């Protein structure tokens, strides 16, 4: 049975490369011109000696969210789910799932044993091409991401309170008055709220003057 890394190279990488994603390890990234990033991450779980079991997650990481997350770092790492504004799992069809019908494991893909690695590859690539990558590309538009946060069209987890998310999505283009209005709506029951507000004002103040 081949490793997950080799399996990704054989089945997933041709699809993601054609869509403009770059790979590093078990992570694929789609990066916009402004630095916003949609991240496709694979995590392996060593729970079955006969099969390779893994989860597929997507995270949308605006450059502003990553800058805030790593505000104290001299050299921030490449964007990952750690700085996501939203993220979601890509669940497998039942016949290539590790434990069909078990809610705790329903998001886990598998190959090996009764599940041929080629079948898993075909199913995942089809989902990536028709649903996942188009969603990643759409949500790299900050206005589309904001609209999705306000009126969700599919299941995802939001990593920031609504007020904080709006600031992160608009801090790079809001006028001073608009930014102050957004900051007035930021949820305050967090220990670093003052630092967040100061960071947003500083980032906006350092924008190039047109």
N, C-alpha and C. Protein backbone atom coordinates (compact mmCIF):
# COMPACT_ATOMS: atom_id res chain seq x y z
N UNK A 1 0.86 -1.20 0.00
CA UNK A 1 0.00 0.00 0.00
C UNK A 1 0.89 1.25 0.00
N UNK A 2 0.59 2.19 -0.88
CA UNK A 2 1.43 3.37 -0.97
C UNK A 2 1.11 4.37 0.13
N UNK A 3 2.08 5.24 0.42
CA UNK A 3 1.89 6.25 1.46
C UNK A 3 0.88 7.29 1.00
N UNK A 4 0.36 8.04 1.95
CA UNK A 4 -0.58 9.11 1.60
C UNK A 4 0.10 10.15 0.71
N UNK A 5 1.36 10.45 1.00
CA UNK A 5 2.07 11.44 0.19
C UNK A 5 2.18 10.97 -1.26
N UNK A 6 2.52 9.71 -1.46
CA UNK A 6 2.64 9.17 -2.81
C UNK A 6 1.27 9.08 -3.48
N UNK A 7 0.25 8.75 -2.72
CA UNK A 7 -1.11 8.70 -3.26
C UNK A 7 -1.57 10.07 -3.72
N UNK A 8 -1.26 11.11 -2.93
CA UNK A 8 -1.60 12.47 -3.34
C UNK A 8 -0.88 12.85 -4.62
N UNK A 9 0.37 12.47 -4.72
CA UNK A 9 1.14 12.79 -5.93
C UNK A 9 0.55 12.10 -7.16
N UNK A 10 0.05 10.90 -6.99
CA UNK A 10 -0.47 10.14 -8.12
C UNK A 10 -1.86 10.62 -8.54
N UNK A 11 -2.74 10.89 -7.55
CA UNK A 11 -4.14 11.16 -7.89
C UNK A 11 -4.54 12.63 -7.74
N UNK A 12 -4.13 13.27 -6.68
CA UNK A 12 -4.63 14.61 -6.37
C UNK A 12 -3.81 15.71 -7.04
N UNK A 13 -2.51 15.57 -7.03
CA UNK A 13 -1.66 16.67 -7.51
C UNK A 13 -1.90 17.04 -8.97
N UNK A 14 -2.14 16.10 -9.88
CA UNK A 14 -2.43 16.53 -11.26
C UNK A 14 -3.66 17.44 -11.34
N UNK A 15 -4.67 17.15 -10.53
CA UNK A 15 -5.88 17.98 -10.52
C UNK A 15 -5.60 19.34 -9.90
N UNK A 16 -4.97 19.37 -8.74
CA UNK A 16 -4.74 20.64 -8.05
C UNK A 16 -3.77 21.52 -8.81
N UNK A 17 -2.75 20.92 -9.41
CA UNK A 17 -1.80 21.72 -10.19
C UNK A 17 -2.50 22.38 -11.37
N UNK A 18 -3.39 21.66 -12.01
CA UNK A 18 -4.14 22.23 -13.14
C UNK A 18 -5.04 23.37 -12.69
N UNK A 19 -5.45 23.36 -11.43
CA UNK A 19 -6.33 24.41 -10.90
C UNK A 19 -5.54 25.57 -10.29
N UNK A 20 -4.20 25.48 -10.32
CA UNK A 20 -3.38 26.57 -9.82
C UNK A 20 -2.95 26.46 -8.38
N UNK A 21 -3.20 25.31 -7.73
CA UNK A 21 -2.77 25.13 -6.35
C UNK A 21 -1.32 24.66 -6.32
N UNK A 22 -0.60 25.07 -5.31
CA UNK A 22 0.77 24.62 -5.10
C UNK A 22 0.81 23.70 -3.88
N UNK A 23 1.73 22.74 -3.90
CA UNK A 23 1.78 21.76 -2.83
C UNK A 23 3.05 21.90 -2.00
N UNK A 24 2.89 21.72 -0.69
CA UNK A 24 4.02 21.56 0.22
C UNK A 24 3.60 20.54 1.26
N UNK A 25 4.23 19.38 1.24
CA UNK A 25 3.86 18.31 2.16
C UNK A 25 2.46 17.80 1.87
N UNK A 26 1.62 17.82 2.88
CA UNK A 26 0.24 17.35 2.74
C UNK A 26 -0.74 18.51 2.58
N UNK A 27 -0.22 19.67 2.20
CA UNK A 27 -1.03 20.88 2.10
C UNK A 27 -0.93 21.46 0.70
N UNK A 28 -2.08 21.88 0.17
CA UNK A 28 -2.15 22.53 -1.14
C UNK A 28 -2.74 23.92 -0.93
N UNK A 29 -2.18 24.91 -1.63
CA UNK A 29 -2.61 26.30 -1.43
C UNK A 29 -2.98 26.97 -2.75
N UNK A 30 -4.09 27.70 -2.70
CA UNK A 30 -4.52 28.54 -3.81
C UNK A 30 -4.42 29.97 -3.31
N UNK A 31 -3.56 30.76 -3.92
CA UNK A 31 -3.24 32.09 -3.40
C UNK A 31 -3.68 33.18 -4.37
N UNK A 32 -4.38 34.17 -3.85
CA UNK A 32 -4.85 35.31 -4.65
C UNK A 32 -3.75 36.36 -4.75
N UNK A 33 -3.94 37.31 -5.63
CA UNK A 33 -2.95 38.36 -5.86
C UNK A 33 -2.71 39.20 -4.61
N UNK A 34 -3.72 39.34 -3.75
CA UNK A 34 -3.58 40.15 -2.54
C UNK A 34 -3.01 39.37 -1.37
N UNK A 35 -2.65 38.11 -1.59
CA UNK A 35 -2.08 37.29 -0.52
C UNK A 35 -3.07 36.43 0.22
N UNK A 36 -4.37 36.62 -0.02
CA UNK A 36 -5.37 35.74 0.60
C UNK A 36 -5.15 34.31 0.09
N UNK A 37 -5.44 33.35 0.94
CA UNK A 37 -5.10 31.97 0.62
C UNK A 37 -6.24 31.03 0.99
N UNK A 38 -6.52 30.09 0.11
CA UNK A 38 -7.43 28.98 0.42
C UNK A 38 -6.57 27.74 0.51
N UNK A 39 -6.70 27.02 1.60
CA UNK A 39 -5.80 25.93 1.93
C UNK A 39 -6.55 24.61 1.95
N UNK A 40 -5.99 23.63 1.26
CA UNK A 40 -6.53 22.27 1.23
C UNK A 40 -5.55 21.39 2.01
N UNK A 41 -5.99 20.87 3.14
CA UNK A 41 -5.09 20.13 4.03
C UNK A 41 -5.54 18.68 4.20
N UNK A 42 -4.57 17.79 4.20
CA UNK A 42 -4.81 16.37 4.42
C UNK A 42 -4.16 15.97 5.74
N UNK A 43 -4.91 15.27 6.57
CA UNK A 43 -4.38 14.78 7.84
C UNK A 43 -4.62 13.28 7.93
N UNK A 44 -3.54 12.55 8.14
CA UNK A 44 -3.65 11.08 8.23
C UNK A 44 -3.88 10.66 9.68
N UNK A 45 -4.70 9.62 9.84
CA UNK A 45 -4.98 9.05 11.16
C UNK A 45 -4.58 7.58 11.14
N UNK A 46 -3.66 7.21 11.99
CA UNK A 46 -3.17 5.83 12.02
C UNK A 46 -4.05 5.00 12.94
N UNK A 47 -5.22 4.67 12.42
CA UNK A 47 -6.23 3.96 13.22
C UNK A 47 -6.56 2.59 12.65
N UNK A 48 -5.97 2.25 11.51
CA UNK A 48 -6.31 0.99 10.85
C UNK A 48 -5.06 0.45 10.15
N UNK A 49 -4.48 -0.64 10.64
CA UNK A 49 -3.25 -1.15 10.02
C UNK A 49 -3.44 -1.64 8.59
N UNK A 50 -4.68 -1.89 8.19
CA UNK A 50 -4.93 -2.41 6.85
C UNK A 50 -5.24 -1.32 5.83
N UNK A 51 -5.49 -0.12 6.30
CA UNK A 51 -5.91 0.94 5.39
C UNK A 51 -5.26 2.27 5.76
N UNK A 52 -5.16 3.14 4.77
CA UNK A 52 -4.74 4.52 5.01
C UNK A 52 -6.01 5.35 5.20
N UNK A 53 -6.09 6.01 6.34
CA UNK A 53 -7.27 6.77 6.73
C UNK A 53 -6.87 8.24 6.87
N UNK A 54 -7.67 9.11 6.28
CA UNK A 54 -7.30 10.53 6.33
C UNK A 54 -8.53 11.41 6.25
N UNK A 55 -8.32 12.66 6.61
CA UNK A 55 -9.37 13.67 6.57
C UNK A 55 -8.92 14.77 5.61
N UNK A 56 -9.89 15.38 4.94
CA UNK A 56 -9.62 16.48 4.02
C UNK A 56 -10.33 17.72 4.54
N UNK A 57 -9.58 18.78 4.77
CA UNK A 57 -10.15 20.02 5.29
C UNK A 57 -9.78 21.17 4.37
N UNK A 58 -10.66 22.15 4.32
CA UNK A 58 -10.41 23.38 3.58
C UNK A 58 -10.48 24.55 4.55
N UNK A 59 -9.56 25.48 4.40
CA UNK A 59 -9.57 26.70 5.21
C UNK A 59 -9.38 27.90 4.29
N UNK A 60 -10.12 28.96 4.57
CA UNK A 60 -9.93 30.21 3.84
C UNK A 60 -9.25 31.19 4.79
N UNK A 61 -8.08 31.66 4.36
CA UNK A 61 -7.21 32.46 5.23
C UNK A 61 -6.89 33.79 4.55
N UNK A 62 -7.70 34.82 4.77
CA UNK A 62 -7.34 36.13 4.23
C UNK A 62 -5.98 36.57 4.78
N UNK A 63 -5.26 37.34 3.97
CA UNK A 63 -3.93 37.81 4.40
C UNK A 63 -4.02 38.60 5.70
N UNK A 64 -5.13 39.30 5.88
CA UNK A 64 -5.31 40.07 7.11
C UNK A 64 -5.44 39.16 8.33
N UNK A 65 -6.17 38.06 8.17
CA UNK A 65 -6.32 37.11 9.28
C UNK A 65 -4.99 36.48 9.64
N UNK A 66 -4.18 36.18 8.61
CA UNK A 66 -2.87 35.58 8.87
C UNK A 66 -1.93 36.60 9.52
N UNK A 67 -2.01 37.86 9.06
CA UNK A 67 -1.18 38.91 9.65
C UNK A 67 -1.53 39.13 11.11
N UNK A 68 -2.83 39.08 11.44
CA UNK A 68 -3.24 39.23 12.83
C UNK A 68 -2.78 38.03 13.66
N UNK A 69 -2.96 36.83 13.14
CA UNK A 69 -2.59 35.63 13.88
C UNK A 69 -1.10 35.62 14.20
N UNK A 70 -0.27 36.04 13.24
CA UNK A 70 1.19 36.01 13.42
C UNK A 70 1.77 37.41 13.52
N UNK A 71 1.04 38.29 14.19
CA UNK A 71 1.46 39.69 14.31
C UNK A 71 2.79 39.85 15.03
N UNK A 72 3.15 38.90 15.87
CA UNK A 72 4.39 39.02 16.63
C UNK A 72 5.54 38.24 16.01
N UNK A 73 5.30 37.58 14.90
CA UNK A 73 6.33 36.73 14.28
C UNK A 73 7.15 37.53 13.27
N UNK A 74 8.46 37.38 13.31
CA UNK A 74 9.32 38.03 12.33
C UNK A 74 9.16 37.38 10.96
N UNK A 75 9.05 36.07 10.94
CA UNK A 75 8.89 35.33 9.69
C UNK A 75 7.69 34.38 9.82
N UNK A 76 6.52 34.85 9.48
CA UNK A 76 5.34 33.98 9.59
C UNK A 76 5.47 32.77 8.68
N UNK A 77 4.95 31.62 9.10
CA UNK A 77 4.95 30.44 8.23
C UNK A 77 3.97 30.60 7.09
N UNK A 78 3.96 29.63 6.19
CA UNK A 78 2.98 29.65 5.12
C UNK A 78 1.57 29.52 5.71
N UNK A 79 0.57 30.13 5.09
CA UNK A 79 -0.79 30.06 5.62
C UNK A 79 -1.28 28.62 5.79
N UNK A 80 -2.02 28.42 6.87
CA UNK A 80 -2.60 27.12 7.16
C UNK A 80 -3.93 27.32 7.86
N UNK A 81 -4.57 26.22 8.19
CA UNK A 81 -5.84 26.29 8.88
C UNK A 81 -5.76 26.98 10.23
N UNK A 82 -4.56 27.16 10.76
CA UNK A 82 -4.40 27.81 12.06
C UNK A 82 -4.89 29.25 12.03
N UNK A 83 -4.90 29.87 10.85
CA UNK A 83 -5.35 31.25 10.76
C UNK A 83 -6.64 31.41 9.99
N UNK A 84 -7.41 30.34 9.88
CA UNK A 84 -8.61 30.37 9.05
C UNK A 84 -9.66 31.34 9.56
N UNK A 85 -10.34 31.96 8.62
CA UNK A 85 -11.54 32.71 8.97
C UNK A 85 -12.73 31.76 8.98
N UNK A 86 -12.76 30.85 8.00
CA UNK A 86 -13.73 29.75 8.01
C UNK A 86 -13.01 28.49 7.56
N UNK A 87 -13.54 27.35 7.95
CA UNK A 87 -13.02 26.08 7.43
C UNK A 87 -14.14 25.06 7.39
N UNK A 88 -13.91 24.00 6.62
CA UNK A 88 -14.90 22.93 6.52
C UNK A 88 -14.22 21.63 6.09
N UNK A 89 -14.90 20.52 6.37
CA UNK A 89 -14.42 19.21 5.96
C UNK A 89 -14.99 18.86 4.59
N UNK A 90 -14.24 18.07 3.85
CA UNK A 90 -14.72 17.48 2.60
C UNK A 90 -15.05 16.03 2.91
N UNK A 91 -16.31 15.67 3.10
CA UNK A 91 -16.66 14.30 3.49
C UNK A 91 -16.64 13.36 2.29
N UNK A 92 -16.32 12.09 2.52
CA UNK A 92 -16.26 11.12 1.42
C UNK A 92 -17.61 10.49 1.12
N UNK A 93 -17.82 10.01 -0.10
CA UNK A 93 -18.97 9.15 -0.36
C UNK A 93 -18.85 7.89 0.50
N UNK A 94 -19.96 7.28 0.78
CA UNK A 94 -19.98 6.17 1.73
C UNK A 94 -19.04 5.03 1.34
N UNK A 95 -18.93 4.71 0.04
CA UNK A 95 -18.17 3.54 -0.35
C UNK A 95 -16.66 3.73 -0.28
N UNK A 96 -16.20 4.97 -0.03
CA UNK A 96 -14.76 5.17 0.17
C UNK A 96 -14.49 5.79 1.55
N UNK A 97 -15.48 5.71 2.43
CA UNK A 97 -15.32 6.20 3.80
C UNK A 97 -14.74 5.10 4.67
N UNK A 98 -14.04 5.50 5.73
CA UNK A 98 -13.43 4.51 6.62
C UNK A 98 -14.49 3.78 7.43
N UNK A 99 -15.43 4.52 8.02
CA UNK A 99 -16.43 3.89 8.88
C UNK A 99 -17.80 4.46 8.54
N UNK A 100 -18.43 4.00 7.46
CA UNK A 100 -19.74 4.52 7.06
C UNK A 100 -20.77 4.35 8.17
N UNK A 101 -21.55 5.39 8.39
CA UNK A 101 -22.61 5.32 9.37
C UNK A 101 -22.19 5.69 10.78
N UNK A 102 -20.89 5.84 11.02
CA UNK A 102 -20.43 6.24 12.35
C UNK A 102 -20.18 7.74 12.33
N UNK A 103 -21.00 8.49 13.05
CA UNK A 103 -20.97 9.95 12.98
C UNK A 103 -19.58 10.51 13.29
N UNK A 104 -18.89 9.93 14.25
CA UNK A 104 -17.59 10.45 14.65
C UNK A 104 -16.54 10.28 13.56
N UNK A 105 -16.78 9.38 12.62
CA UNK A 105 -15.78 9.07 11.59
C UNK A 105 -16.28 9.35 10.18
N UNK A 106 -17.43 9.99 10.05
CA UNK A 106 -18.05 10.13 8.74
C UNK A 106 -17.23 10.98 7.78
N UNK A 107 -16.31 11.80 8.30
CA UNK A 107 -15.52 12.66 7.43
C UNK A 107 -14.20 12.02 7.00
N UNK A 108 -13.94 10.79 7.42
CA UNK A 108 -12.66 10.15 7.13
C UNK A 108 -12.71 9.34 5.84
N UNK A 109 -11.75 9.64 4.96
CA UNK A 109 -11.57 8.88 3.73
C UNK A 109 -10.66 7.69 4.00
N UNK A 110 -10.68 6.70 3.10
CA UNK A 110 -9.82 5.53 3.29
C UNK A 110 -9.51 4.90 1.95
N UNK A 111 -8.33 4.27 1.88
CA UNK A 111 -8.03 3.35 0.78
C UNK A 111 -7.20 2.22 1.35
N UNK A 112 -7.24 1.09 0.66
CA UNK A 112 -6.61 -0.13 1.16
C UNK A 112 -7.67 -1.10 1.63
N UNK A 113 -7.30 -2.36 1.77
CA UNK A 113 -8.27 -3.37 2.18
C UNK A 113 -9.35 -3.49 1.11
N UNK A 114 -10.62 -3.38 1.51
CA UNK A 114 -11.71 -3.53 0.53
C UNK A 114 -11.88 -2.30 -0.37
N UNK A 115 -11.21 -1.21 -0.05
CA UNK A 115 -11.37 0.02 -0.82
C UNK A 115 -10.13 0.24 -1.68
N UNK A 116 -10.28 0.11 -2.99
CA UNK A 116 -9.14 0.27 -3.88
C UNK A 116 -8.70 1.73 -3.92
N UNK A 117 -7.39 1.93 -3.86
CA UNK A 117 -6.87 3.30 -3.82
C UNK A 117 -7.29 4.11 -5.04
N UNK A 118 -7.47 3.45 -6.18
CA UNK A 118 -7.88 4.16 -7.38
C UNK A 118 -9.30 4.71 -7.26
N UNK A 119 -10.19 3.93 -6.64
CA UNK A 119 -11.57 4.39 -6.46
C UNK A 119 -11.61 5.62 -5.56
N UNK A 120 -10.84 5.59 -4.48
CA UNK A 120 -10.78 6.75 -3.58
C UNK A 120 -10.24 7.97 -4.31
N UNK A 121 -9.20 7.75 -5.11
CA UNK A 121 -8.62 8.86 -5.87
C UNK A 121 -9.62 9.46 -6.83
N UNK A 122 -10.34 8.64 -7.55
CA UNK A 122 -11.33 9.13 -8.52
C UNK A 122 -12.42 9.94 -7.82
N UNK A 123 -12.91 9.43 -6.70
CA UNK A 123 -14.00 10.11 -6.00
C UNK A 123 -13.54 11.47 -5.47
N UNK A 124 -12.35 11.51 -4.89
CA UNK A 124 -11.88 12.77 -4.32
C UNK A 124 -11.61 13.80 -5.42
N UNK A 125 -10.96 13.38 -6.48
CA UNK A 125 -10.65 14.31 -7.56
C UNK A 125 -11.93 14.89 -8.16
N UNK A 126 -12.95 14.07 -8.31
CA UNK A 126 -14.22 14.57 -8.84
C UNK A 126 -14.81 15.63 -7.92
N UNK A 127 -14.77 15.40 -6.61
CA UNK A 127 -15.28 16.38 -5.66
C UNK A 127 -14.46 17.65 -5.69
N UNK A 128 -13.14 17.50 -5.75
CA UNK A 128 -12.28 18.68 -5.78
C UNK A 128 -12.58 19.53 -7.01
N UNK A 129 -12.69 18.87 -8.15
CA UNK A 129 -12.86 19.59 -9.41
C UNK A 129 -14.23 20.28 -9.51
N UNK A 130 -15.27 19.61 -9.04
CA UNK A 130 -16.63 20.13 -9.25
C UNK A 130 -17.15 20.98 -8.10
N UNK A 131 -16.65 20.76 -6.88
CA UNK A 131 -17.22 21.47 -5.73
C UNK A 131 -16.18 22.22 -4.90
N UNK A 132 -15.14 21.51 -4.47
CA UNK A 132 -14.25 22.09 -3.47
C UNK A 132 -13.41 23.23 -4.01
N UNK A 133 -12.70 23.00 -5.10
CA UNK A 133 -11.84 24.07 -5.63
C UNK A 133 -12.66 25.26 -6.11
N UNK A 134 -13.81 25.07 -6.78
CA UNK A 134 -14.63 26.24 -7.11
C UNK A 134 -15.05 27.04 -5.87
N UNK A 135 -15.37 26.35 -4.77
CA UNK A 135 -15.72 27.06 -3.53
C UNK A 135 -14.52 27.80 -2.98
N UNK A 136 -13.36 27.20 -3.02
CA UNK A 136 -12.15 27.87 -2.56
C UNK A 136 -11.90 29.14 -3.37
N UNK A 137 -12.01 29.01 -4.69
CA UNK A 137 -11.76 30.16 -5.56
C UNK A 137 -12.78 31.27 -5.32
N UNK A 138 -14.05 30.90 -5.16
CA UNK A 138 -15.10 31.90 -4.93
C UNK A 138 -14.86 32.65 -3.63
N UNK A 139 -14.48 31.93 -2.57
CA UNK A 139 -14.35 32.55 -1.26
C UNK A 139 -13.04 33.29 -1.07
N UNK A 140 -12.16 33.26 -2.07
CA UNK A 140 -10.98 34.12 -2.02
C UNK A 140 -11.34 35.57 -2.31
N UNK A 141 -12.54 35.80 -2.81
CA UNK A 141 -13.06 37.15 -2.95
C UNK A 141 -13.61 37.57 -1.59
N UNK A 142 -13.06 38.63 -1.01
CA UNK A 142 -13.45 38.99 0.36
C UNK A 142 -14.92 39.37 0.47
N UNK A 143 -15.49 39.97 -0.57
CA UNK A 143 -16.90 40.31 -0.52
C UNK A 143 -17.76 39.04 -0.54
N UNK A 144 -17.35 38.07 -1.34
CA UNK A 144 -18.08 36.80 -1.38
C UNK A 144 -17.95 36.07 -0.05
N UNK A 145 -16.78 36.14 0.57
CA UNK A 145 -16.59 35.50 1.87
C UNK A 145 -17.43 36.18 2.94
N UNK A 146 -17.48 37.50 2.90
CA UNK A 146 -18.31 38.23 3.86
C UNK A 146 -19.78 37.88 3.69
N UNK A 147 -20.23 37.79 2.44
CA UNK A 147 -21.62 37.43 2.18
C UNK A 147 -21.92 36.02 2.68
N UNK A 148 -20.96 35.10 2.52
CA UNK A 148 -21.15 33.73 2.99
C UNK A 148 -21.23 33.69 4.51
N UNK A 149 -20.42 34.49 5.17
CA UNK A 149 -20.47 34.55 6.63
C UNK A 149 -21.81 35.11 7.12
N UNK A 150 -22.33 36.09 6.39
CA UNK A 150 -23.60 36.70 6.79
C UNK A 150 -24.79 35.80 6.50
N UNK A 151 -24.74 35.09 5.37
CA UNK A 151 -25.85 34.23 4.97
C UNK A 151 -25.29 32.91 4.45
N UNK A 152 -24.95 31.98 5.35
CA UNK A 152 -24.27 30.75 4.94
C UNK A 152 -25.07 29.94 3.92
N UNK A 153 -24.33 29.49 2.90
CA UNK A 153 -24.95 28.65 1.89
C UNK A 153 -24.54 27.20 2.01
N UNK A 154 -23.57 26.91 2.87
CA UNK A 154 -23.16 25.53 3.10
C UNK A 154 -22.54 25.45 4.50
N UNK A 155 -22.28 24.24 4.96
CA UNK A 155 -21.81 24.03 6.33
C UNK A 155 -20.32 24.32 6.46
N UNK A 156 -19.99 25.21 7.38
CA UNK A 156 -18.59 25.49 7.67
C UNK A 156 -18.49 25.94 9.13
N UNK A 157 -17.27 25.99 9.62
CA UNK A 157 -17.02 26.52 10.96
C UNK A 157 -16.41 27.90 10.81
N UNK A 158 -16.91 28.86 11.57
CA UNK A 158 -16.35 30.20 11.56
C UNK A 158 -15.38 30.33 12.72
N UNK A 159 -14.19 30.82 12.43
CA UNK A 159 -13.15 30.89 13.45
C UNK A 159 -13.09 32.23 14.17
N UNK A 160 -13.86 33.21 13.74
CA UNK A 160 -13.82 34.54 14.36
C UNK A 160 -15.23 35.01 14.66
N UNK A 161 -15.40 35.82 15.70
CA UNK A 161 -16.71 36.44 15.94
C UNK A 161 -17.09 37.31 14.75
N UNK A 162 -18.38 37.52 14.49
CA UNK A 162 -18.79 38.26 13.30
C UNK A 162 -18.17 39.65 13.17
N UNK A 163 -18.11 40.39 14.26
CA UNK A 163 -17.54 41.73 14.20
C UNK A 163 -16.06 41.72 13.85
N UNK A 164 -15.32 40.78 14.41
CA UNK A 164 -13.90 40.65 14.11
C UNK A 164 -13.72 40.26 12.65
N UNK A 165 -14.55 39.35 12.17
CA UNK A 165 -14.43 38.90 10.78
C UNK A 165 -14.66 40.06 9.82
N UNK A 166 -15.66 40.89 10.10
CA UNK A 166 -15.92 42.02 9.21
C UNK A 166 -14.73 42.97 9.16
N UNK A 167 -14.10 43.20 10.30
CA UNK A 167 -12.91 44.06 10.33
C UNK A 167 -11.79 43.45 9.50
N UNK A 168 -11.54 42.16 9.68
CA UNK A 168 -10.47 41.50 8.95
C UNK A 168 -10.71 41.53 7.44
N UNK A 169 -11.96 41.49 7.03
CA UNK A 169 -12.27 41.48 5.61
C UNK A 169 -12.28 42.88 4.99
N UNK A 170 -12.42 43.92 5.82
CA UNK A 170 -12.54 45.27 5.26
C UNK A 170 -11.42 46.22 5.64
N UNK A 171 -10.54 45.79 6.54
CA UNK A 171 -9.52 46.71 7.06
C UNK A 171 -8.61 47.25 5.96
N UNK A 172 -8.43 46.53 4.88
CA UNK A 172 -7.51 46.99 3.83
C UNK A 172 -8.13 47.99 2.87
N UNK A 173 -9.45 48.19 2.92
CA UNK A 173 -10.04 49.14 1.97
C UNK A 173 -11.10 50.06 2.59
N UNK A 174 -11.41 49.89 3.86
CA UNK A 174 -12.41 50.75 4.50
C UNK A 174 -11.85 52.16 4.71
N UNK A 175 -12.72 53.15 4.59
CA UNK A 175 -12.32 54.52 4.92
C UNK A 175 -12.14 54.61 6.43
N UNK A 176 -11.45 55.65 6.92
CA UNK A 176 -11.30 55.79 8.38
C UNK A 176 -12.63 55.78 9.11
N UNK A 177 -13.63 56.46 8.56
CA UNK A 177 -14.94 56.48 9.22
C UNK A 177 -15.59 55.10 9.20
N UNK A 178 -15.48 54.41 8.07
CA UNK A 178 -16.05 53.06 7.97
C UNK A 178 -15.36 52.12 8.94
N UNK A 179 -14.05 52.24 9.04
CA UNK A 179 -13.32 51.35 9.95
C UNK A 179 -13.73 51.59 11.39
N UNK A 180 -13.87 52.85 11.78
CA UNK A 180 -14.28 53.13 13.16
C UNK A 180 -15.68 52.58 13.44
N UNK A 181 -16.55 52.63 12.42
CA UNK A 181 -17.87 52.04 12.60
C UNK A 181 -17.79 50.54 12.79
N UNK A 182 -16.91 49.89 12.04
CA UNK A 182 -16.73 48.45 12.19
C UNK A 182 -16.13 48.10 13.55
N UNK A 183 -15.16 48.90 13.97
CA UNK A 183 -14.51 48.63 15.26
C UNK A 183 -15.48 48.83 16.42
N UNK A 184 -16.45 49.72 16.24
CA UNK A 184 -17.44 49.93 17.29
C UNK A 184 -18.33 48.72 17.49
N UNK A 185 -18.39 47.84 16.47
CA UNK A 185 -19.23 46.64 16.55
C UNK A 185 -18.45 45.38 16.93
N UNK A 186 -17.16 45.53 17.18
CA UNK A 186 -16.34 44.37 17.54
C UNK A 186 -16.75 43.84 18.91
N UNK A 187 -16.93 42.53 18.99
CA UNK A 187 -17.27 41.90 20.28
C UNK A 187 -16.14 42.13 21.28
N UNK A 188 -16.49 42.52 22.48
CA UNK A 188 -15.47 42.96 23.46
C UNK A 188 -15.14 41.92 24.52
N UNK A 189 -15.82 40.78 24.53
CA UNK A 189 -15.58 39.80 25.59
C UNK A 189 -14.43 38.86 25.24
N UNK A 190 -13.34 39.43 24.79
CA UNK A 190 -12.13 38.67 24.47
C UNK A 190 -10.94 39.40 25.07
N UNK A 191 -9.94 38.68 25.57
CA UNK A 191 -8.84 39.33 26.29
C UNK A 191 -7.95 40.22 25.43
N UNK A 192 -7.94 40.01 24.11
CA UNK A 192 -7.03 40.79 23.27
C UNK A 192 -7.78 41.80 22.40
N UNK A 193 -9.00 42.16 22.79
CA UNK A 193 -9.78 43.05 21.94
C UNK A 193 -9.09 44.40 21.75
N UNK A 194 -8.50 44.95 22.81
CA UNK A 194 -7.81 46.24 22.67
C UNK A 194 -6.63 46.13 21.71
N UNK A 195 -5.92 45.03 21.79
CA UNK A 195 -4.80 44.81 20.89
C UNK A 195 -5.29 44.67 19.45
N UNK A 196 -6.42 43.99 19.26
CA UNK A 196 -6.97 43.81 17.92
C UNK A 196 -7.38 45.16 17.32
N UNK A 197 -8.04 45.97 18.09
CA UNK A 197 -8.47 47.29 17.61
C UNK A 197 -7.27 48.14 17.24
N UNK A 198 -6.24 48.13 18.10
CA UNK A 198 -5.04 48.91 17.82
C UNK A 198 -4.34 48.39 16.57
N UNK A 199 -4.30 47.07 16.41
CA UNK A 199 -3.67 46.47 15.22
C UNK A 199 -4.41 46.88 13.96
N UNK A 200 -5.74 46.85 13.98
CA UNK A 200 -6.52 47.22 12.80
C UNK A 200 -6.29 48.67 12.42
N UNK A 201 -6.27 49.56 13.40
CA UNK A 201 -6.02 50.98 13.10
C UNK A 201 -4.62 51.18 12.53
N UNK A 202 -3.66 50.47 13.09
CA UNK A 202 -2.29 50.61 12.59
C UNK A 202 -2.16 50.08 11.17
N UNK A 203 -2.78 48.93 10.89
CA UNK A 203 -2.71 48.38 9.54
C UNK A 203 -3.36 49.33 8.53
N UNK A 204 -4.54 49.85 8.90
CA UNK A 204 -5.21 50.78 7.99
C UNK A 204 -4.40 52.05 7.79
N UNK A 205 -3.75 52.51 8.87
CA UNK A 205 -2.95 53.73 8.76
C UNK A 205 -1.69 53.56 7.94
N UNK A 206 -1.23 52.32 7.79
CA UNK A 206 -0.01 52.05 7.02
C UNK A 206 -0.29 51.70 5.55
N UNK A 207 -1.57 51.79 5.15
CA UNK A 207 -1.87 51.51 3.74
C UNK A 207 -1.23 52.56 2.84
N UNK A 208 -0.78 52.16 1.67
CA UNK A 208 -0.22 53.14 0.74
C UNK A 208 -1.25 54.20 0.37
N UNK A 209 -0.82 55.44 0.32
CA UNK A 209 -1.72 56.54 -0.07
C UNK A 209 -1.81 56.60 -1.59
N UNK A 210 -3.04 56.66 -2.07
CA UNK A 210 -3.25 56.73 -3.53
C UNK A 210 -3.37 58.18 -3.98
